[in-house]
Amino acid sequence: MKSSSTAKISSIIIEKGNSLPLNILSIFGGLCLLIALAQVAIPLPWTPVPITGQTLGVSLIGLLWGFKRGISVVGVYLALGALGAPIFVGASSGLFGSTSGYLLGMFFSVAVIGYLSDKGFCNTFFKSLVVCYLGSVFVFFFGAFVLKAFIGVESVFYVGILPFLAGDFIKNTLASGISRAAQKL
């Protein structure tokens, strides 16, 4: 049985025969995108969590790469960072720290976004935006859950979620717009 996906990059790969080289190339491309966007960071003085481009990358990868390829990209990204490759924010590595929950949440986020994209749920800008926000819930949930161990539960909302909501709106809107434009190509 042939697999199918409405996610743009996955559908192109499937259309071209679903070869191993194309799949490796797509994972490498997504990995480069995610690493590059991780280096776009704005530190905030009151929180150990910077504003980054990573969540934009995760949303784009979920929308365009779909479930299997999306979790492959983010899974390889997390594995390389855990093994010491300097690919996280500020060319850092390691999965154990105040931001590790956000990284874990990105894996679940790309899985949900990718699954819904594969199934055709992201066929309008608005639906894509809703799906990206659903993915954001996972990033914020896991991020805040781990962050509270470092800063305490009483300030986790003000330090780990609230400062990032406006940027999340911008990044999710941008990801949805880029995805819709790519679908028209």
N, C-alpha and C. Protein backbone atom coordinates (compact mmCIF):
# COMPACT_ATOMS: atom_id res chain seq x y z
N MET A 1 0.84 -1.17 0.00
CA MET A 1 0.00 0.00 0.00
C MET A 1 0.89 1.25 0.00
N LYS A 2 0.60 2.15 -0.87
CA LYS A 2 1.38 3.37 -1.00
C LYS A 2 0.93 4.39 0.05
N SER A 3 1.91 5.00 0.74
CA SER A 3 1.55 6.00 1.73
C SER A 3 1.19 7.30 1.04
N SER A 4 0.41 8.12 1.74
CA SER A 4 0.03 9.39 1.16
C SER A 4 0.13 10.49 2.20
N SER A 5 0.20 11.71 1.72
CA SER A 5 0.29 12.86 2.60
C SER A 5 -0.11 14.09 1.80
N THR A 6 -0.76 15.03 2.47
CA THR A 6 -1.03 16.30 1.82
C THR A 6 0.00 17.35 2.21
N ALA A 7 0.95 17.01 3.10
CA ALA A 7 2.05 17.92 3.44
C ALA A 7 2.91 18.07 2.18
N LYS A 8 3.26 19.29 1.83
CA LYS A 8 3.88 19.58 0.53
C LYS A 8 5.16 18.78 0.26
N ILE A 9 6.12 18.82 1.16
CA ILE A 9 7.38 18.13 0.91
C ILE A 9 7.17 16.62 0.88
N SER A 10 6.37 16.10 1.80
CA SER A 10 6.09 14.67 1.78
C SER A 10 5.39 14.24 0.50
N SER A 11 4.44 15.04 0.04
CA SER A 11 3.72 14.65 -1.19
C SER A 11 4.64 14.69 -2.41
N ILE A 12 5.59 15.62 -2.43
CA ILE A 12 6.57 15.65 -3.52
C ILE A 12 7.44 14.40 -3.50
N ILE A 13 7.92 14.04 -2.31
CA ILE A 13 8.78 12.85 -2.19
C ILE A 13 8.02 11.59 -2.59
N ILE A 14 6.78 11.47 -2.15
CA ILE A 14 5.96 10.31 -2.51
C ILE A 14 5.74 10.27 -4.02
N GLU A 15 5.45 11.44 -4.59
CA GLU A 15 5.22 11.55 -6.04
C GLU A 15 6.46 11.14 -6.84
N LYS A 16 7.65 11.44 -6.29
CA LYS A 16 8.92 11.14 -6.98
C LYS A 16 9.43 9.73 -6.68
N GLY A 17 8.63 8.90 -6.04
CA GLY A 17 9.00 7.51 -5.83
C GLY A 17 9.43 7.16 -4.42
N ASN A 18 9.40 8.13 -3.50
CA ASN A 18 9.69 7.86 -2.09
C ASN A 18 11.04 7.18 -1.88
N SER A 19 12.05 7.63 -2.59
CA SER A 19 13.37 6.99 -2.51
C SER A 19 14.10 7.39 -1.23
N LEU A 20 15.01 6.53 -0.82
CA LEU A 20 15.82 6.79 0.38
C LEU A 20 16.64 8.08 0.22
N PRO A 21 17.31 8.31 -0.91
CA PRO A 21 18.06 9.56 -1.04
C PRO A 21 17.19 10.83 -0.89
N LEU A 22 15.98 10.80 -1.46
CA LEU A 22 15.10 11.95 -1.32
C LEU A 22 14.66 12.15 0.13
N ASN A 23 14.39 11.06 0.82
CA ASN A 23 14.00 11.15 2.23
C ASN A 23 15.16 11.68 3.07
N ILE A 24 16.36 11.20 2.83
CA ILE A 24 17.53 11.69 3.57
C ILE A 24 17.75 13.17 3.28
N LEU A 25 17.62 13.56 2.02
CA LEU A 25 17.78 14.96 1.64
C LEU A 25 16.73 15.84 2.33
N SER A 26 15.50 15.37 2.39
CA SER A 26 14.46 16.17 3.04
C SER A 26 14.72 16.31 4.54
N ILE A 27 15.19 15.26 5.18
CA ILE A 27 15.51 15.32 6.61
C ILE A 27 16.69 16.26 6.84
N PHE A 28 17.69 16.16 5.98
CA PHE A 28 18.84 17.06 6.09
C PHE A 28 18.41 18.52 5.89
N GLY A 29 17.57 18.77 4.91
CA GLY A 29 17.08 20.13 4.67
C GLY A 29 16.30 20.68 5.85
N GLY A 30 15.43 19.86 6.41
CA GLY A 30 14.67 20.28 7.60
C GLY A 30 15.57 20.53 8.78
N LEU A 31 16.58 19.68 8.94
CA LEU A 31 17.55 19.83 10.02
C LEU A 31 18.32 21.14 9.87
N CYS A 32 18.75 21.46 8.67
CA CYS A 32 19.46 22.73 8.43
C CYS A 32 18.55 23.92 8.74
N LEU A 33 17.29 23.84 8.34
CA LEU A 33 16.33 24.90 8.64
C LEU A 33 16.18 25.09 10.15
N LEU A 34 16.01 24.01 10.87
CA LEU A 34 15.81 24.08 12.31
C LEU A 34 17.06 24.59 13.03
N ILE A 35 18.21 24.14 12.62
CA ILE A 35 19.47 24.61 13.23
C ILE A 35 19.65 26.11 12.98
N ALA A 36 19.38 26.55 11.76
CA ALA A 36 19.53 27.97 11.43
C ALA A 36 18.55 28.82 12.24
N LEU A 37 17.31 28.39 12.34
CA LEU A 37 16.31 29.16 13.09
C LEU A 37 16.58 29.14 14.59
N ALA A 38 17.24 28.11 15.08
CA ALA A 38 17.61 28.06 16.51
C ALA A 38 18.62 29.14 16.85
N GLN A 39 19.39 29.58 15.86
CA GLN A 39 20.41 30.59 16.11
C GLN A 39 19.82 32.01 16.12
N VAL A 40 18.57 32.13 15.70
CA VAL A 40 17.86 33.40 15.79
C VAL A 40 17.28 33.44 17.20
N ALA A 41 17.93 34.17 18.08
CA ALA A 41 17.52 34.16 19.49
C ALA A 41 17.62 35.55 20.10
N ILE A 42 16.64 35.86 20.92
CA ILE A 42 16.62 37.11 21.67
C ILE A 42 16.55 36.76 23.15
N PRO A 43 17.65 36.96 23.87
CA PRO A 43 17.61 36.67 25.31
C PRO A 43 16.75 37.69 26.05
N LEU A 44 16.04 37.22 27.06
CA LEU A 44 15.24 38.09 27.91
C LEU A 44 15.87 38.08 29.30
N PRO A 45 16.09 39.24 29.91
CA PRO A 45 16.83 39.29 31.18
C PRO A 45 16.13 38.64 32.37
N TRP A 46 14.83 38.47 32.33
CA TRP A 46 14.10 37.94 33.48
C TRP A 46 13.77 36.45 33.38
N THR A 47 14.25 35.80 32.32
CA THR A 47 13.95 34.38 32.14
C THR A 47 15.14 33.66 31.51
N PRO A 48 15.35 32.40 31.86
CA PRO A 48 16.42 31.63 31.22
C PRO A 48 16.04 31.15 29.81
N VAL A 49 14.81 31.43 29.40
CA VAL A 49 14.30 30.98 28.10
C VAL A 49 14.34 32.14 27.12
N PRO A 50 15.11 32.02 26.04
CA PRO A 50 15.13 33.10 25.04
C PRO A 50 13.99 32.96 24.04
N ILE A 51 13.68 34.04 23.37
CA ILE A 51 12.79 33.97 22.21
C ILE A 51 13.63 33.41 21.08
N THR A 52 13.15 32.38 20.39
CA THR A 52 13.94 31.78 19.32
C THR A 52 13.09 31.55 18.07
N GLY A 53 13.77 31.22 17.00
CA GLY A 53 13.10 30.84 15.76
C GLY A 53 12.78 29.35 15.70
N GLN A 54 13.16 28.60 16.72
CA GLN A 54 12.95 27.15 16.68
C GLN A 54 11.49 26.77 16.49
N THR A 55 10.59 27.43 17.22
CA THR A 55 9.18 27.05 17.11
C THR A 55 8.60 27.38 15.74
N LEU A 56 9.12 28.44 15.10
CA LEU A 56 8.73 28.70 13.71
C LEU A 56 9.15 27.52 12.85
N GLY A 57 10.38 27.05 13.05
CA GLY A 57 10.88 25.90 12.29
C GLY A 57 10.07 24.65 12.53
N VAL A 58 9.72 24.40 13.77
CA VAL A 58 8.94 23.21 14.11
C VAL A 58 7.57 23.26 13.44
N SER A 59 6.93 24.42 13.47
CA SER A 59 5.62 24.55 12.81
C SER A 59 5.73 24.34 11.31
N LEU A 60 6.74 24.98 10.69
CA LEU A 60 6.94 24.80 9.25
C LEU A 60 7.22 23.35 8.89
N ILE A 61 8.06 22.72 9.68
CA ILE A 61 8.42 21.32 9.40
C ILE A 61 7.19 20.43 9.54
N GLY A 62 6.40 20.65 10.56
CA GLY A 62 5.18 19.86 10.71
C GLY A 62 4.23 20.07 9.54
N LEU A 63 4.02 21.32 9.17
CA LEU A 63 3.08 21.62 8.08
C LEU A 63 3.56 21.11 6.73
N LEU A 64 4.86 21.23 6.45
CA LEU A 64 5.38 20.91 5.12
C LEU A 64 5.97 19.51 5.00
N TRP A 65 6.58 19.00 6.07
CA TRP A 65 7.22 17.68 6.01
C TRP A 65 6.24 16.58 6.41
N GLY A 66 5.22 16.90 7.17
CA GLY A 66 4.27 15.88 7.62
C GLY A 66 4.77 15.13 8.84
N PHE A 67 4.04 14.10 9.22
CA PHE A 67 4.31 13.38 10.47
C PHE A 67 5.64 12.63 10.47
N LYS A 68 5.79 11.64 9.60
CA LYS A 68 6.98 10.78 9.64
C LYS A 68 8.27 11.56 9.41
N ARG A 69 8.28 12.37 8.39
CA ARG A 69 9.49 13.14 8.09
C ARG A 69 9.71 14.24 9.12
N GLY A 70 8.63 14.82 9.62
CA GLY A 70 8.73 15.86 10.64
C GLY A 70 9.33 15.34 11.94
N ILE A 71 8.83 14.19 12.42
CA ILE A 71 9.40 13.65 13.66
C ILE A 71 10.82 13.15 13.42
N SER A 72 11.11 12.75 12.19
CA SER A 72 12.49 12.35 11.88
C SER A 72 13.43 13.56 11.98
N VAL A 73 13.01 14.69 11.42
CA VAL A 73 13.84 15.91 11.46
C VAL A 73 14.07 16.33 12.91
N VAL A 74 12.99 16.48 13.67
CA VAL A 74 13.12 16.97 15.05
C VAL A 74 13.80 15.92 15.92
N GLY A 75 13.54 14.64 15.68
CA GLY A 75 14.20 13.58 16.43
C GLY A 75 15.71 13.58 16.21
N VAL A 76 16.15 13.74 14.96
CA VAL A 76 17.58 13.82 14.66
C VAL A 76 18.17 15.07 15.30
N TYR A 77 17.46 16.18 15.22
CA TYR A 77 17.90 17.44 15.82
C TYR A 77 18.14 17.26 17.33
N LEU A 78 17.17 16.68 18.02
CA LEU A 78 17.30 16.48 19.47
C LEU A 78 18.41 15.49 19.80
N ALA A 79 18.52 14.43 19.01
CA ALA A 79 19.57 13.43 19.26
C ALA A 79 20.96 14.03 19.06
N LEU A 80 21.14 14.79 17.99
CA LEU A 80 22.44 15.41 17.75
C LEU A 80 22.79 16.40 18.86
N GLY A 81 21.83 17.19 19.28
CA GLY A 81 22.06 18.14 20.37
C GLY A 81 22.36 17.43 21.68
N ALA A 82 21.66 16.34 21.93
CA ALA A 82 21.90 15.56 23.16
C ALA A 82 23.28 14.93 23.16
N LEU A 83 23.76 14.58 21.97
CA LEU A 83 25.09 13.97 21.85
C LEU A 83 26.22 14.99 21.84
N GLY A 84 25.89 16.27 21.93
CA GLY A 84 26.92 17.30 22.04
C GLY A 84 27.14 18.17 20.84
N ALA A 85 26.41 17.96 19.76
CA ALA A 85 26.55 18.83 18.59
C ALA A 85 26.05 20.22 18.96
N PRO A 86 26.80 21.26 18.64
CA PRO A 86 26.43 22.63 19.03
C PRO A 86 25.36 23.22 18.10
N ILE A 87 24.14 22.70 18.18
CA ILE A 87 23.10 23.08 17.23
C ILE A 87 21.89 23.77 17.86
N PHE A 88 21.84 23.80 19.19
CA PHE A 88 20.73 24.47 19.84
C PHE A 88 21.01 25.97 19.90
N VAL A 89 20.18 26.72 20.56
CA VAL A 89 20.32 28.17 20.66
C VAL A 89 21.73 28.55 21.11
N GLY A 90 22.31 29.51 20.41
CA GLY A 90 23.65 29.98 20.77
C GLY A 90 24.72 28.93 20.58
N ALA A 91 24.52 28.03 19.64
CA ALA A 91 25.46 26.93 19.37
C ALA A 91 25.71 26.10 20.62
N SER A 92 24.65 25.87 21.39
CA SER A 92 24.77 25.05 22.60
C SER A 92 24.30 23.62 22.30
N SER A 93 24.48 22.77 23.28
CA SER A 93 24.03 21.38 23.16
C SER A 93 23.58 20.90 24.53
N GLY A 94 23.08 19.68 24.57
CA GLY A 94 22.64 19.08 25.82
C GLY A 94 21.14 19.23 26.02
N LEU A 95 20.54 18.20 26.58
CA LEU A 95 19.10 18.21 26.78
C LEU A 95 18.68 18.40 28.23
N PHE A 96 19.61 18.67 29.11
CA PHE A 96 19.25 18.76 30.52
C PHE A 96 19.50 20.16 31.03
N GLY A 97 18.43 20.92 31.14
CA GLY A 97 18.52 22.29 31.61
C GLY A 97 17.13 22.90 31.65
N SER A 98 17.08 24.18 31.93
CA SER A 98 15.80 24.86 32.10
C SER A 98 14.96 24.90 30.82
N THR A 99 15.58 24.77 29.66
CA THR A 99 14.83 24.81 28.41
C THR A 99 14.57 23.44 27.80
N SER A 100 14.97 22.38 28.49
CA SER A 100 14.82 21.04 27.91
C SER A 100 13.37 20.65 27.69
N GLY A 101 12.47 21.15 28.51
CA GLY A 101 11.05 20.85 28.31
C GLY A 101 10.52 21.43 27.01
N TYR A 102 11.00 22.60 26.65
CA TYR A 102 10.58 23.21 25.38
C TYR A 102 11.06 22.36 24.21
N LEU A 103 12.28 21.85 24.31
CA LEU A 103 12.81 20.99 23.24
C LEU A 103 11.99 19.71 23.12
N LEU A 104 11.66 19.10 24.25
CA LEU A 104 10.82 17.90 24.24
C LEU A 104 9.45 18.23 23.67
N GLY A 105 8.90 19.36 24.06
CA GLY A 105 7.59 19.77 23.54
C GLY A 105 7.59 19.96 22.04
N MET A 106 8.74 20.36 21.48
CA MET A 106 8.85 20.53 20.03
C MET A 106 8.65 19.21 19.30
N PHE A 107 9.10 18.13 19.91
CA PHE A 107 8.92 16.82 19.29
C PHE A 107 7.42 16.48 19.20
N PHE A 108 6.71 16.68 20.30
CA PHE A 108 5.27 16.40 20.30
C PHE A 108 4.51 17.38 19.40
N SER A 109 4.97 18.62 19.38
CA SER A 109 4.36 19.63 18.53
C SER A 109 4.45 19.24 17.05
N VAL A 110 5.64 18.87 16.60
CA VAL A 110 5.81 18.51 15.19
C VAL A 110 5.02 17.25 14.86
N ALA A 111 4.88 16.35 15.82
CA ALA A 111 4.11 15.13 15.59
C ALA A 111 2.63 15.46 15.35
N VAL A 112 2.07 16.31 16.18
CA VAL A 112 0.65 16.68 16.05
C VAL A 112 0.43 17.49 14.77
N ILE A 113 1.26 18.49 14.56
CA ILE A 113 1.11 19.32 13.36
C ILE A 113 1.31 18.47 12.10
N GLY A 114 2.33 17.64 12.09
CA GLY A 114 2.61 16.79 10.93
C GLY A 114 1.50 15.80 10.64
N TYR A 115 0.96 15.19 11.69
CA TYR A 115 -0.13 14.23 11.52
C TYR A 115 -1.34 14.92 10.88
N LEU A 116 -1.72 16.07 11.43
CA LEU A 116 -2.89 16.78 10.90
C LEU A 116 -2.64 17.32 9.50
N SER A 117 -1.40 17.69 9.22
CA SER A 117 -1.06 18.15 7.87
C SER A 117 -1.16 16.99 6.87
N ASP A 118 -0.64 15.84 7.26
CA ASP A 118 -0.73 14.65 6.40
C ASP A 118 -2.18 14.32 6.05
N LYS A 119 -3.05 14.49 7.02
CA LYS A 119 -4.46 14.12 6.85
C LYS A 119 -5.28 15.17 6.12
N GLY A 120 -4.64 16.29 5.73
CA GLY A 120 -5.33 17.30 4.95
C GLY A 120 -6.07 18.33 5.78
N PHE A 121 -5.84 18.33 7.09
CA PHE A 121 -6.55 19.27 7.93
C PHE A 121 -6.04 20.69 7.77
N CYS A 122 -4.87 20.87 7.20
CA CYS A 122 -4.24 22.19 7.08
C CYS A 122 -4.44 22.77 5.70
N ASN A 123 -5.61 22.57 5.11
CA ASN A 123 -5.82 22.99 3.72
C ASN A 123 -6.29 24.43 3.57
N THR A 124 -6.37 25.17 4.67
CA THR A 124 -6.63 26.61 4.60
C THR A 124 -5.67 27.31 5.57
N PHE A 125 -5.52 28.61 5.39
CA PHE A 125 -4.66 29.37 6.28
C PHE A 125 -5.16 29.27 7.72
N PHE A 126 -6.46 29.44 7.92
CA PHE A 126 -7.01 29.42 9.27
C PHE A 126 -6.82 28.06 9.94
N LYS A 127 -7.07 26.97 9.22
CA LYS A 127 -6.88 25.64 9.80
C LYS A 127 -5.41 25.40 10.13
N SER A 128 -4.52 25.85 9.25
CA SER A 128 -3.09 25.72 9.53
C SER A 128 -2.72 26.48 10.79
N LEU A 129 -3.27 27.67 10.95
CA LEU A 129 -2.99 28.48 12.13
C LEU A 129 -3.49 27.79 13.40
N VAL A 130 -4.69 27.24 13.36
CA VAL A 130 -5.24 26.51 14.51
C VAL A 130 -4.34 25.32 14.86
N VAL A 131 -3.90 24.60 13.86
CA VAL A 131 -3.03 23.45 14.09
C VAL A 131 -1.70 23.88 14.69
N CYS A 132 -1.15 24.99 14.21
CA CYS A 132 0.11 25.50 14.79
C CYS A 132 -0.08 25.87 16.26
N TYR A 133 -1.23 26.47 16.58
CA TYR A 133 -1.49 26.79 17.99
C TYR A 133 -1.64 25.52 18.83
N LEU A 134 -2.23 24.50 18.26
CA LEU A 134 -2.30 23.23 18.97
C LEU A 134 -0.90 22.71 19.25
N GLY A 135 -0.02 22.81 18.27
CA GLY A 135 1.37 22.43 18.48
C GLY A 135 2.04 23.27 19.55
N SER A 136 1.72 24.56 19.60
CA SER A 136 2.30 25.44 20.62
C SER A 136 1.91 25.02 22.02
N VAL A 137 0.72 24.48 22.17
CA VAL A 137 0.28 24.02 23.49
C VAL A 137 1.26 22.98 24.04
N PHE A 138 1.72 22.08 23.19
CA PHE A 138 2.67 21.05 23.64
C PHE A 138 4.01 21.66 24.03
N VAL A 139 4.49 22.63 23.25
CA VAL A 139 5.76 23.29 23.57
C VAL A 139 5.65 24.00 24.92
N PHE A 140 4.58 24.76 25.09
CA PHE A 140 4.41 25.49 26.35
C PHE A 140 4.17 24.55 27.53
N PHE A 141 3.39 23.51 27.33
CA PHE A 141 3.11 22.58 28.42
C PHE A 141 4.39 21.92 28.93
N PHE A 142 5.13 21.29 28.03
CA PHE A 142 6.36 20.60 28.45
C PHE A 142 7.42 21.61 28.92
N GLY A 143 7.49 22.75 28.24
CA GLY A 143 8.45 23.77 28.64
C GLY A 143 8.19 24.26 30.06
N ALA A 144 6.95 24.61 30.35
CA ALA A 144 6.61 25.11 31.69
C ALA A 144 6.76 24.02 32.75
N PHE A 145 6.43 22.79 32.38
CA PHE A 145 6.53 21.68 33.33
C PHE A 145 7.97 21.51 33.82
N VAL A 146 8.92 21.56 32.91
CA VAL A 146 10.33 21.41 33.29
C VAL A 146 10.86 22.70 33.93
N LEU A 147 10.49 23.84 33.36
CA LEU A 147 10.99 25.12 33.86
C LEU A 147 10.62 25.34 35.33
N LYS A 148 9.46 24.86 35.75
CA LYS A 148 9.04 25.08 37.14
C LYS A 148 9.99 24.43 38.14
N ALA A 149 10.70 23.41 37.72
CA ALA A 149 11.69 22.78 38.61
C ALA A 149 12.89 23.72 38.84
N PHE A 150 13.10 24.67 37.94
CA PHE A 150 14.24 25.58 38.04
C PHE A 150 13.86 26.92 38.68
N ILE A 151 12.61 27.36 38.48
CA ILE A 151 12.23 28.69 38.96
C ILE A 151 11.06 28.68 39.93
N GLY A 152 10.41 27.55 40.10
CA GLY A 152 9.25 27.46 40.97
C GLY A 152 7.95 27.64 40.21
N VAL A 153 6.93 26.99 40.70
CA VAL A 153 5.64 26.97 40.01
C VAL A 153 4.96 28.33 40.02
N GLU A 154 5.20 29.15 41.06
CA GLU A 154 4.48 30.42 41.19
C GLU A 154 4.82 31.43 40.09
N SER A 155 5.98 31.34 39.49
CA SER A 155 6.34 32.32 38.45
C SER A 155 6.48 31.73 37.05
N VAL A 156 6.17 30.47 36.89
CA VAL A 156 6.40 29.82 35.59
C VAL A 156 5.55 30.44 34.47
N PHE A 157 4.34 30.84 34.75
CA PHE A 157 3.51 31.45 33.71
C PHE A 157 4.12 32.78 33.24
N TYR A 158 4.57 33.60 34.19
CA TYR A 158 5.11 34.93 33.87
C TYR A 158 6.50 34.88 33.26
N VAL A 159 7.22 33.81 33.51
CA VAL A 159 8.60 33.69 33.03
C VAL A 159 8.70 32.75 31.82
N GLY A 160 7.84 31.73 31.76
CA GLY A 160 7.98 30.70 30.74
C GLY A 160 6.92 30.64 29.68
N ILE A 161 5.83 31.43 29.83
CA ILE A 161 4.77 31.39 28.83
C ILE A 161 4.40 32.79 28.34
N LEU A 162 4.01 33.66 29.25
CA LEU A 162 3.50 34.99 28.89
C LEU A 162 4.43 35.79 27.97
N PRO A 163 5.74 35.83 28.23
CA PRO A 163 6.62 36.63 27.35
C PRO A 163 6.70 36.13 25.91
N PHE A 164 6.20 34.92 25.66
CA PHE A 164 6.37 34.30 24.35
C PHE A 164 5.09 34.25 23.53
N LEU A 165 3.98 34.71 24.09
CA LEU A 165 2.70 34.59 23.39
C LEU A 165 2.62 35.47 22.15
N ALA A 166 3.10 36.70 22.21
CA ALA A 166 3.06 37.58 21.03
C ALA A 166 3.94 37.02 19.91
N GLY A 167 5.14 36.56 20.27
CA GLY A 167 6.03 35.96 19.27
C GLY A 167 5.45 34.69 18.69
N ASP A 168 4.75 33.94 19.53
CA ASP A 168 4.11 32.71 19.06
C ASP A 168 3.04 33.04 18.02
N PHE A 169 2.29 34.10 18.25
CA PHE A 169 1.29 34.54 17.28
C PHE A 169 1.95 34.87 15.94
N ILE A 170 3.04 35.63 16.00
CA ILE A 170 3.75 36.03 14.78
C ILE A 170 4.32 34.80 14.07
N LYS A 171 4.97 33.92 14.81
CA LYS A 171 5.59 32.74 14.19
C LYS A 171 4.55 31.79 13.62
N ASN A 172 3.45 31.57 14.33
CA ASN A 172 2.41 30.67 13.81
C ASN A 172 1.73 31.26 12.58
N THR A 173 1.53 32.58 12.58
CA THR A 173 0.95 33.24 11.41
C THR A 173 1.90 33.13 10.21
N LEU A 174 3.17 33.36 10.46
CA LEU A 174 4.17 33.25 9.40
C LEU A 174 4.26 31.82 8.85
N ALA A 175 4.31 30.84 9.74
CA ALA A 175 4.38 29.43 9.31
C ALA A 175 3.15 29.05 8.49
N SER A 176 1.98 29.48 8.92
CA SER A 176 0.75 29.17 8.19
C SER A 176 0.75 29.83 6.82
N GLY A 177 1.20 31.06 6.75
CA GLY A 177 1.27 31.76 5.46
C GLY A 177 2.26 31.13 4.51
N ILE A 178 3.44 30.78 5.01
CA ILE A 178 4.45 30.14 4.18
C ILE A 178 3.95 28.78 3.69
N SER A 179 3.32 28.05 4.57
CA SER A 179 2.79 26.73 4.21
C SER A 179 1.74 26.84 3.11
N ARG A 180 0.82 27.79 3.27
CA ARG A 180 -0.23 27.96 2.26
C ARG A 180 0.38 28.38 0.92
N ALA A 181 1.38 29.26 0.95
CA ALA A 181 2.03 29.68 -0.29
C ALA A 181 2.73 28.50 -0.94
N ALA A 182 3.40 27.67 -0.15
CA ALA A 182 4.10 26.49 -0.68
C ALA A 182 3.11 25.50 -1.30
N GLN A 183 1.95 25.35 -0.72
CA GLN A 183 0.96 24.41 -1.25
C GLN A 183 0.50 24.83 -2.65
N LYS A 184 0.58 26.11 -2.93
CA LYS A 184 0.14 26.62 -4.24
C LYS A 184 1.20 26.48 -5.33
N LEU A 185 2.43 26.13 -4.94
CA LEU A 185 3.50 25.97 -5.93
C LEU A 185 3.32 24.71 -6.75
